[in-house]
PDB file of N, CA and C in Angstrom:
ATOM      1  N   MET A   1      -1.361 -18.211   3.928  1.00  0.00           N
ATOM      2  CA  MET A   1      -0.135 -17.430   3.713  1.00  0.00           C
ATOM      3  C   MET A   1      -1.088 -16.340   3.376  1.00  0.00           C
ATOM      4  N   THR A   2      -0.766 -14.845   3.926  1.00  0.00           N
ATOM      5  CA  THR A   2      -1.041 -13.765   3.730  1.00  0.00           C
ATOM      6  C   THR A   2      -0.416 -13.170   2.488  1.00  0.00           C
ATOM      7  N   PRO A   3      -1.515 -12.531   1.437  1.00  0.00           N
ATOM      8  CA  PRO A   3      -0.820 -12.087   0.047  1.00  0.00           C
ATOM      9  C   PRO A   3      -0.301 -10.890   0.535  1.00  0.00           C
ATOM     10  N   LEU A   4       0.542 -10.309  -0.313  1.00  0.00           N
ATOM     11  CA  LEU A   4       1.362  -9.168  -0.200  1.00  0.00           C
ATOM     12  C   LEU A   4       0.550  -8.059  -0.616  1.00  0.00           C
ATOM     13  N   PRO A   5       0.569  -6.792  -0.192  1.00  0.00           N
ATOM     14  CA  PRO A   5      -0.152  -5.698  -0.476  1.00  0.00           C
ATOM     15  C   PRO A   5       0.398  -5.213  -1.952  1.00  0.00           C
ATOM     16  N   ARG A   6      -0.619  -4.908  -2.671  1.00  0.00           N
ATOM     17  CA  ARG A   6      -0.184  -4.229  -4.235  1.00  0.00           C
ATOM     18  C   ARG A   6       0.541  -3.136  -4.025  1.00  0.00           C
ATOM     19  N   LEU A   7       1.533  -2.873  -4.707  1.00  0.00           N
ATOM     20  CA  LEU A   7       2.132  -1.502  -4.531  1.00  0.00           C
ATOM     21  C   LEU A   7       1.722  -0.424  -5.333  1.00  0.00           C
ATOM     22  N   GLY A   8       1.445   0.503  -4.968  1.00  0.00           N
ATOM     23  CA  GLY A   8       1.515   1.621  -5.803  1.00  0.00           C
ATOM     24  C   GLY A   8       2.388   2.111  -6.839  1.00  0.00           C
ATOM     25  N   GLN A   9       2.182   3.193  -7.905  1.00  0.00           N
ATOM     26  CA  GLN A   9       2.976   3.167  -8.867  1.00  0.00           C
ATOM     27  C   GLN A   9       4.103   3.686  -8.466  1.00  0.00           C
ATOM     28  N   ASP A  10       4.040   4.681  -7.453  1.00  0.00           N
ATOM     29  CA  ASP A  10       5.477   5.109  -7.037  1.00  0.00           C
ATOM     30  C   ASP A  10       6.255   4.044  -6.276  1.00  0.00           C
ATOM     31  N   GLU A  11       5.602   3.353  -5.281  1.00  0.00           N
ATOM     32  CA  GLU A  11       6.334   2.185  -4.856  1.00  0.00           C
ATOM     33  C   GLU A  11       7.083   1.279  -5.780  1.00  0.00           C
ATOM     34  N   LEU A  12       6.030   1.149  -6.838  1.00  0.00           N
ATOM     35  CA  LEU A  12       6.679   0.069  -7.733  1.00  0.00           C
ATOM     36  C   LEU A  12       7.899   0.385  -8.380  1.00  0.00           C
ATOM     37  N   VAL A  13       7.874   1.820  -9.003  1.00  0.00           N
ATOM     38  CA  VAL A  13       8.968   2.464  -9.646  1.00  0.00           C
ATOM     39  C   VAL A  13      10.269   2.361  -8.445  1.00  0.00           C
ATOM     40  N   ASP A  14       9.761   2.880  -7.529  1.00  0.00           N
ATOM     41  CA  ASP A  14      11.197   2.680  -6.559  1.00  0.00           C
ATOM     42  C   ASP A  14      11.674   1.037  -6.155  1.00  0.00           C
ATOM     43  N   ALA A  15      10.697   0.110  -6.056  1.00  0.00           N
ATOM     44  CA  ALA A  15      11.001  -0.899  -6.014  1.00  0.00           C
ATOM     45  C   ALA A  15      12.022  -1.442  -7.268  1.00  0.00           C
ATOM     46  N   VAL A  16      11.538  -1.321  -8.375  1.00  0.00           N
ATOM     47  CA  VAL A  16      12.053  -1.724  -9.738  1.00  0.00           C
ATOM     48  C   VAL A  16      13.484  -1.168  -9.647  1.00  0.00           C
ATOM     49  N   LEU A  17      13.595   0.306  -9.252  1.00  0.00           N
ATOM     50  CA  LEU A  17      15.003   0.916  -9.334  1.00  0.00           C
ATOM     51  C   LEU A  17      15.973   0.406  -7.824  1.00  0.00           C
ATOM     52  N   ALA A  18      15.434   0.123  -7.299  1.00  0.00           N
ATOM     53  CA  ALA A  18      16.203  -0.452  -6.239  1.00  0.00           C
ATOM     54  C   ALA A  18      16.705  -1.956  -6.466  1.00  0.00           C
ATOM     55  N   ILE A  19      16.322  -2.447  -7.168  1.00  0.00           N
ATOM     56  CA  ILE A  19      16.616  -3.773  -7.700  1.00  0.00           C
ATOM     57  C   ILE A  19      17.788  -3.618  -8.874  1.00  0.00           C
ATOM     58  N   ALA A  20      17.267  -2.603  -9.593  1.00  0.00           N
ATOM     59  CA  ALA A  20      18.227  -2.242 -10.559  1.00  0.00           C
ATOM     60  C   ALA A  20      19.546  -1.653 -10.430  1.00  0.00           C
ATOM     61  N   GLU A  21      19.815  -0.908  -9.112  1.00  0.00           N
ATOM     62  CA  GLU A  21      20.810  -0.629  -8.316  1.00  0.00           C
ATOM     63  C   GLU A  21      21.494  -1.843  -7.901  1.00  0.00           C
ATOM     64  N   ARG A  22      21.019  -2.671  -7.476  1.00  0.00           N
ATOM     65  CA  ARG A  22      21.875  -3.984  -7.122  1.00  0.00           C
ATOM     66  C   ARG A  22      22.430  -4.999  -8.035  1.00  0.00           C
ATOM     67  N   ASP A  23      21.991  -4.758  -9.302  1.00  0.00           N
ATOM     68  CA  ASP A  23      22.108  -5.802 -10.309  1.00  0.00           C
ATOM     69  C   ASP A  23      22.028  -5.003 -11.583  1.00  0.00           C
ATOM     70  N   PRO A  24      23.595  -4.978 -12.032  1.00  0.00           N
ATOM     71  CA  PRO A  24      23.593  -3.755 -13.478  1.00  0.00           C
ATOM     72  C   PRO A  24      23.130  -4.554 -14.517  1.00  0.00           C
ATOM     73  N   SER A  25      22.775  -5.810 -14.550  1.00  0.00           N
ATOM     74  CA  SER A  25      22.162  -6.656 -15.884  1.00  0.00           C
ATOM     75  C   SER A  25      20.831  -6.325 -15.859  1.00  0.00           C
ATOM     76  N   ILE A  26      20.102  -5.892 -14.551  1.00  0.00           N
ATOM     77  CA  ILE A  26      18.794  -5.807 -14.914  1.00  0.00           C
ATOM     78  C   ILE A  26      18.506  -4.251 -15.087  1.00  0.00           C
ATOM     79  N   ALA A  27      19.652  -3.477 -14.691  1.00  0.00           N
ATOM     80  CA  ALA A  27      19.401  -1.826 -14.998  1.00  0.00           C
ATOM     81  C   ALA A  27      19.676  -1.974 -16.661  1.00  0.00           C
ATOM     82  N   ARG A  28      20.663  -2.569 -17.109  1.00  0.00           N
ATOM     83  CA  ARG A  28      20.833  -2.787 -18.503  1.00  0.00           C
ATOM     84  C   ARG A  28      19.595  -3.371 -19.395  1.00  0.00           C
ATOM     85  N   VAL A  29      18.615  -3.981 -18.762  1.00  0.00           N
ATOM     86  CA  VAL A  29      17.493  -4.540 -19.483  1.00  0.00           C
ATOM     87  C   VAL A  29      16.562  -3.676 -19.208  1.00  0.00           C
ATOM     88  N   LEU A  30      16.665  -3.134 -18.228  1.00  0.00           N
ATOM     89  CA  LEU A  30      15.283  -1.806 -18.181  1.00  0.00           C
ATOM     90  C   LEU A  30      15.645  -0.784 -18.974  1.00  0.00           C
ATOM     91  N   ARG A  31      16.843  -0.306 -19.160  1.00  0.00           N
ATOM     92  CA  ARG A  31      16.894   0.916 -19.854  1.00  0.00           C
ATOM     93  C   ARG A  31      16.559   0.546 -21.482  1.00  0.00           C
ATOM     94  N   GLU A  32      17.011  -0.544 -22.103  1.00  0.00           N
ATOM     95  CA  GLU A  32      16.700  -1.256 -23.656  1.00  0.00           C
ATOM     96  C   GLU A  32      15.264  -1.146 -23.260  1.00  0.00           C
ATOM     97  N   ILE A  33      14.197  -1.758 -22.339  1.00  0.00           N
ATOM     98  CA  ILE A  33      12.864  -1.634 -22.452  1.00  0.00           C
ATOM     99  C   ILE A  33      12.423  -0.205 -22.614  1.00  0.00           C
ATOM    100  N   CYS A  34      12.610   0.367 -21.497  1.00  0.00           N
ATOM    101  CA  CYS A  34      11.971   1.647 -21.340  1.00  0.00           C
ATOM    102  C   CYS A  34      12.694   2.743 -22.330  1.00  0.00           C
ATOM    103  N   GLY A  35      13.687   2.362 -23.532  1.00  0.00           N
ATOM    104  CA  GLY A  35      13.867   3.324 -24.314  1.00  0.00           C
ATOM    105  C   GLY A  35      13.256   2.865 -25.655  1.00  0.00           C
ATOM    106  N   LEU A  36      12.369   1.753 -25.559  1.00  0.00           N
ATOM    107  CA  LEU A  36      11.702   1.323 -26.895  1.00  0.00           C
ATOM    108  C   LEU A  36      10.527   2.547 -26.941  1.00  0.00           C
ATOM    109  N   ASP A  37      10.241   2.296 -28.305  1.00  0.00           N
ATOM    110  CA  ASP A  37       8.694   3.327 -28.418  1.00  0.00           C
ATOM    111  C   ASP A  37       7.640   2.614 -27.788  1.00  0.00           C
ATOM    112  N   GLY A  38       6.573   3.438 -27.341  1.00  0.00           N
ATOM    113  CA  GLY A  38       5.595   3.044 -26.762  1.00  0.00           C
ATOM    114  C   GLY A  38       4.752   1.588 -27.036  1.00  0.00           C
ATOM    115  N   ALA A  39       4.451   1.514 -28.337  1.00  0.00           N
ATOM    116  CA  ALA A  39       3.740   0.669 -28.946  1.00  0.00           C
ATOM    117  C   ALA A  39       4.659  -0.759 -28.921  1.00  0.00           C
ATOM    118  N   VAL A  40       5.870  -0.551 -29.420  1.00  0.00           N
ATOM    119  CA  VAL A  40       6.619  -1.381 -29.592  1.00  0.00           C
ATOM    120  C   VAL A  40       6.924  -2.159 -27.908  1.00  0.00           C
ATOM    121  N   ARG A  41       7.423  -1.190 -26.983  1.00  0.00           N
ATOM    122  CA  ARG A  41       7.221  -1.789 -25.498  1.00  0.00           C
ATOM    123  C   ARG A  41       6.262  -2.721 -25.035  1.00  0.00           C
ATOM    124  N   ALA A  42       5.179  -2.161 -25.422  1.00  0.00           N
ATOM    125  CA  ALA A  42       3.787  -2.819 -24.969  1.00  0.00           C
ATOM    126  C   ALA A  42       3.649  -4.098 -25.820  1.00  0.00           C
ATOM    127  N   SER A  43       3.944  -4.255 -26.797  1.00  0.00           N
ATOM    128  CA  SER A  43       4.108  -5.371 -27.672  1.00  0.00           C
ATOM    129  C   SER A  43       5.102  -6.442 -27.111  1.00  0.00           C
ATOM    130  N   ALA A  44       5.973  -5.948 -26.911  1.00  0.00           N
ATOM    131  CA  ALA A  44       6.838  -6.748 -26.512  1.00  0.00           C
ATOM    132  C   ALA A  44       6.743  -7.623 -24.903  1.00  0.00           C
ATOM    133  N   LEU A  45       6.235  -6.558 -24.068  1.00  0.00           N
ATOM    134  CA  LEU A  45       5.976  -6.772 -22.757  1.00  0.00           C
ATOM    135  C   LEU A  45       4.563  -7.960 -22.678  1.00  0.00           C
ATOM    136  N   ASP A  46       3.867  -7.603 -23.602  1.00  0.00           N
ATOM    137  CA  ASP A  46       2.566  -8.367 -23.747  1.00  0.00           C
ATOM    138  C   ASP A  46       3.067  -9.996 -23.993  1.00  0.00           C
ATOM    139  N   LEU A  47       4.184  -9.737 -24.993  1.00  0.00           N
ATOM    140  CA  LEU A  47       4.730 -11.408 -24.836  1.00  0.00           C
ATOM    141  C   LEU A  47       5.351 -11.975 -23.580  1.00  0.00           C
ATOM    142  N   VAL A  48       6.409 -11.381 -22.971  1.00  0.00           N
ATOM    143  CA  VAL A  48       6.555 -11.367 -21.806  1.00  0.00           C
ATOM    144  C   VAL A  48       5.812 -11.703 -20.817  1.00  0.00           C
ATOM    145  N   GLY A  49       4.650 -11.019 -20.604  1.00  0.00           N
ATOM    146  CA  GLY A  49       3.448 -11.390 -19.729  1.00  0.00           C
ATOM    147  C   GLY A  49       3.003 -12.693 -19.901  1.00  0.00           C
ATOM    148  N   VAL A  50       2.720 -12.950 -21.215  1.00  0.00           N
ATOM    149  CA  VAL A  50       2.009 -14.399 -21.584  1.00  0.00           C
ATOM    150  C   VAL A  50       3.160 -15.567 -21.043  1.00  0.00           C
ATOM    151  N   HIS A  51       4.474 -15.399 -21.250  1.00  0.00           N
ATOM    152  CA  HIS A  51       5.315 -16.329 -20.990  1.00  0.00           C
ATOM    153  C   HIS A  51       5.475 -16.418 -19.282  1.00  0.00           C
ATOM    154  N   LEU A  52       5.205 -15.175 -18.654  1.00  0.00           N
ATOM    155  CA  LEU A  52       5.643 -15.699 -17.266  1.00  0.00           C
ATOM    156  C   LEU A  52       3.943 -15.994 -16.818  1.00  0.00           C
ATOM    157  N   ARG A  53       2.526 -15.580 -17.453  1.00  0.00           N
ATOM    158  CA  ARG A  53       1.744 -16.564 -16.919  1.00  0.00           C
ATOM    159  C   ARG A  53       1.577 -17.758 -16.916  1.00  0.00           C
ATOM    160  N   ILE A  54       2.041 -18.200 -18.143  1.00  0.00           N
ATOM    161  CA  ILE A  54       2.205 -19.675 -18.598  1.00  0.00           C
ATOM    162  C   ILE A  54       3.276 -20.279 -17.350  1.00  0.00           C
ATOM    163  N   HIS A  55       4.252 -19.656 -16.781  1.00  0.00           N
ATOM    164  CA  HIS A  55       4.927 -20.252 -15.694  1.00  0.00           C
ATOM    165  C   HIS A  55       4.437 -19.821 -14.484  1.00  0.00           C
ATOM    166  N   SER A  56       3.252 -19.541 -14.293  1.00  0.00           N
ATOM    167  CA  SER A  56       2.652 -19.014 -13.077  1.00  0.00           C
ATOM    168  C   SER A  56       3.408 -17.878 -12.225  1.00  0.00           C
ATOM    169  N   ALA A  57       4.055 -16.854 -12.898  1.00  0.00           N
ATOM    170  CA  ALA A  57       4.573 -15.620 -12.009  1.00  0.00           C
ATOM    171  C   ALA A  57       3.667 -15.142 -10.870  1.00  0.00           C
ATOM    172  N   ALA A  58       4.269 -14.704 -10.260  1.00  0.00           N
ATOM    173  CA  ALA A  58       3.601 -13.866  -9.085  1.00  0.00           C
ATOM    174  C   ALA A  58       3.049 -12.834  -9.537  1.00  0.00           C
ATOM    175  N   GLY A  59       1.943 -12.307  -8.983  1.00  0.00           N
ATOM    176  CA  GLY A  59       1.328 -11.311  -9.115  1.00  0.00           C
ATOM    177  C   GLY A  59       2.040  -9.854  -9.382  1.00  0.00           C
ATOM    178  N   ASP A  60       2.989  -9.716  -8.329  1.00  0.00           N
ATOM    179  CA  ASP A  60       3.617  -8.483  -8.309  1.00  0.00           C
ATOM    180  C   ASP A  60       4.594  -8.468  -9.499  1.00  0.00           C
ATOM    181  N   VAL A  61       4.983  -9.765  -9.846  1.00  0.00           N
ATOM    182  CA  VAL A  61       5.716  -9.480 -11.204  1.00  0.00           C
ATOM    183  C   VAL A  61       5.072  -9.233 -12.382  1.00  0.00           C
ATOM    184  N   LEU A  62       3.862  -9.625 -12.704  1.00  0.00           N
ATOM    185  CA  LEU A  62       2.951  -9.585 -13.560  1.00  0.00           C
ATOM    186  C   LEU A  62       2.287  -7.974 -13.641  1.00  0.00           C
ATOM    187  N   ASP A  63       2.232  -7.259 -12.303  1.00  0.00           N
ATOM    188  CA  ASP A  63       1.901  -6.126 -12.301  1.00  0.00           C
ATOM    189  C   ASP A  63       3.101  -5.109 -12.541  1.00  0.00           C
ATOM    190  N   CYS A  64       4.507  -5.511 -12.528  1.00  0.00           N
ATOM    191  CA  CYS A  64       5.495  -4.608 -12.833  1.00  0.00           C
ATOM    192  C   CYS A  64       5.730  -4.673 -14.576  1.00  0.00           C
ATOM    193  N   VAL A  65       5.093  -5.854 -15.093  1.00  0.00           N
ATOM    194  CA  VAL A  65       5.291  -5.890 -16.612  1.00  0.00           C
ATOM    195  C   VAL A  65       4.315  -4.816 -16.931  1.00  0.00           C
ATOM    196  N   ALA A  66       2.995  -5.181 -16.531  1.00  0.00           N
ATOM    197  CA  ALA A  66       1.966  -4.064 -16.850  1.00  0.00           C
ATOM    198  C   ALA A  66       2.319  -2.755 -16.713  1.00  0.00           C
ATOM    199  N   ALA A  67       2.987  -2.200 -15.401  1.00  0.00           N
ATOM    200  CA  ALA A  67       3.529  -1.048 -15.465  1.00  0.00           C
ATOM    201  C   ALA A  67       4.441  -0.443 -16.345  1.00  0.00           C
ATOM    202  N   LEU A  68       5.641  -1.420 -16.834  1.00  0.00           N
ATOM    203  CA  LEU A  68       6.519  -0.965 -17.608  1.00  0.00           C
ATOM    204  C   LEU A  68       5.769  -0.558 -18.958  1.00  0.00           C
ATOM    205  N   LYS A  69       4.468  -1.033 -19.295  1.00  0.00           N
ATOM    206  CA  LYS A  69       3.891  -0.795 -20.570  1.00  0.00           C
ATOM    207  C   LYS A  69       3.598   0.982 -20.494  1.00  0.00           C
ATOM    208  N   ARG A  70       3.435   1.499 -19.401  1.00  0.00           N
ATOM    209  CA  ARG A  70       3.198   2.956 -19.277  1.00  0.00           C
ATOM    210  C   ARG A  70       4.316   3.855 -19.547  1.00  0.00           C
ATOM    211  N   ASP A  71       3.589   4.856 -20.541  1.00  0.00           N
ATOM    212  CA  ASP A  71       4.972   5.645 -20.898  1.00  0.00           C
ATOM    213  C   ASP A  71       5.093   6.554 -19.672  1.00  0.00           C
ATOM    214  N   ASP A  72       4.379   7.060 -18.843  1.00  0.00           N
ATOM    215  CA  ASP A  72       5.055   7.666 -17.771  1.00  0.00           C
ATOM    216  C   ASP A  72       5.872   6.800 -16.721  1.00  0.00           C
ATOM    217  N   VAL A  73       5.462   5.563 -16.729  1.00  0.00           N
ATOM    218  CA  VAL A  73       6.682   4.864 -15.663  1.00  0.00           C
ATOM    219  C   VAL A  73       7.589   4.388 -16.332  1.00  0.00           C
ATOM    220  N   ALA A  74       7.886   4.058 -17.539  1.00  0.00           N
ATOM    221  CA  ALA A  74       8.810   3.999 -18.764  1.00  0.00           C
ATOM    222  C   ALA A  74       9.788   5.023 -18.465  1.00  0.00           C
ATOM    223  N   ARG A  75       9.099   6.418 -18.782  1.00  0.00           N
ATOM    224  CA  ARG A  75      10.015   7.476 -18.710  1.00  0.00           C
ATOM    225  C   ARG A  75      10.612   7.818 -17.475  1.00  0.00           C
ATOM    226  N   ARG A  76       9.741   7.666 -16.253  1.00  0.00           N
ATOM    227  CA  ARG A  76      10.550   7.902 -15.179  1.00  0.00           C
ATOM    228  C   ARG A  76      11.617   6.891 -14.734  1.00  0.00           C
ATOM    229  N   ILE A  77      11.184   5.677 -15.161  1.00  0.00           N
ATOM    230  CA  ILE A  77      12.467   4.561 -14.769  1.00  0.00           C
ATOM    231  C   ILE A  77      13.466   5.030 -15.632  1.00  0.00           C
ATOM    232  N   ALA A  78      13.473   5.168 -16.749  1.00  0.00           N
ATOM    233  CA  ALA A  78      14.665   5.760 -17.831  1.00  0.00           C
ATOM    234  C   ALA A  78      15.434   6.784 -16.995  1.00  0.00           C
ATOM    235  N   GLU A  79      14.392   8.021 -16.855  1.00  0.00           N
ATOM    236  CA  GLU A  79      15.213   9.165 -16.003  1.00  0.00           C
ATOM    237  C   GLU A  79      16.021   9.017 -14.866  1.00  0.00           C
ATOM    238  N   ARG A  80      15.512   8.044 -14.048  1.00  0.00           N
ATOM    239  CA  ARG A  80      16.307   7.624 -12.958  1.00  0.00           C
ATOM    240  C   ARG A  80      17.711   7.104 -13.020  1.00  0.00           C
ATOM    241  N   LEU A  81      17.356   6.013 -14.225  1.00  0.00           N
ATOM    242  CA  LEU A  81      18.508   5.192 -14.182  1.00  0.00           C
ATOM    243  C   LEU A  81      19.697   5.873 -15.163  1.00  0.00           C
ATOM    244  N   GLY A  82      19.224   6.772 -15.717  1.00  0.00           N
ATOM    245  CA  GLY A  82      20.101   7.621 -16.516  1.00  0.00           C
ATOM    246  C   GLY A  82      20.879   6.865 -17.917  1.00  0.00           C
ATOM    247  N   PRO A  83      21.778   7.402 -18.325  1.00  0.00           N
ATOM    248  CA  PRO A  83      22.474   6.640 -19.531  1.00  0.00           C
ATOM    249  C   PRO A  83      23.392   5.574 -19.022  1.00  0.00           C
ATOM    250  N   ALA A  84      23.878   4.381 -19.900  1.00  0.00           N
ATOM    251  CA  ALA A  84      24.675   3.210 -19.056  1.00  0.00           C
ATOM    252  C   ALA A  84      25.905   3.799 -18.910  1.00  0.00           C
TER     253      ALA A  84
END
């Protein structure tokens, strides 16, 4: 099986937002995550990442979690999602 290509930051944000547009529960969680203080968000996502690695999550899922730790990515997602 051929591995999927890694997404760039813009494509990752677009993919996350496309999924959030289709599922309001994901949009709600993303708003909460992206609204956290950077240090709190990073710590929480570290725990999520550990849990996902234990359950052998796909690399693109782990990439998404890692990207959400970045302030610029979280800010872009929050801005595009808008208020609840």
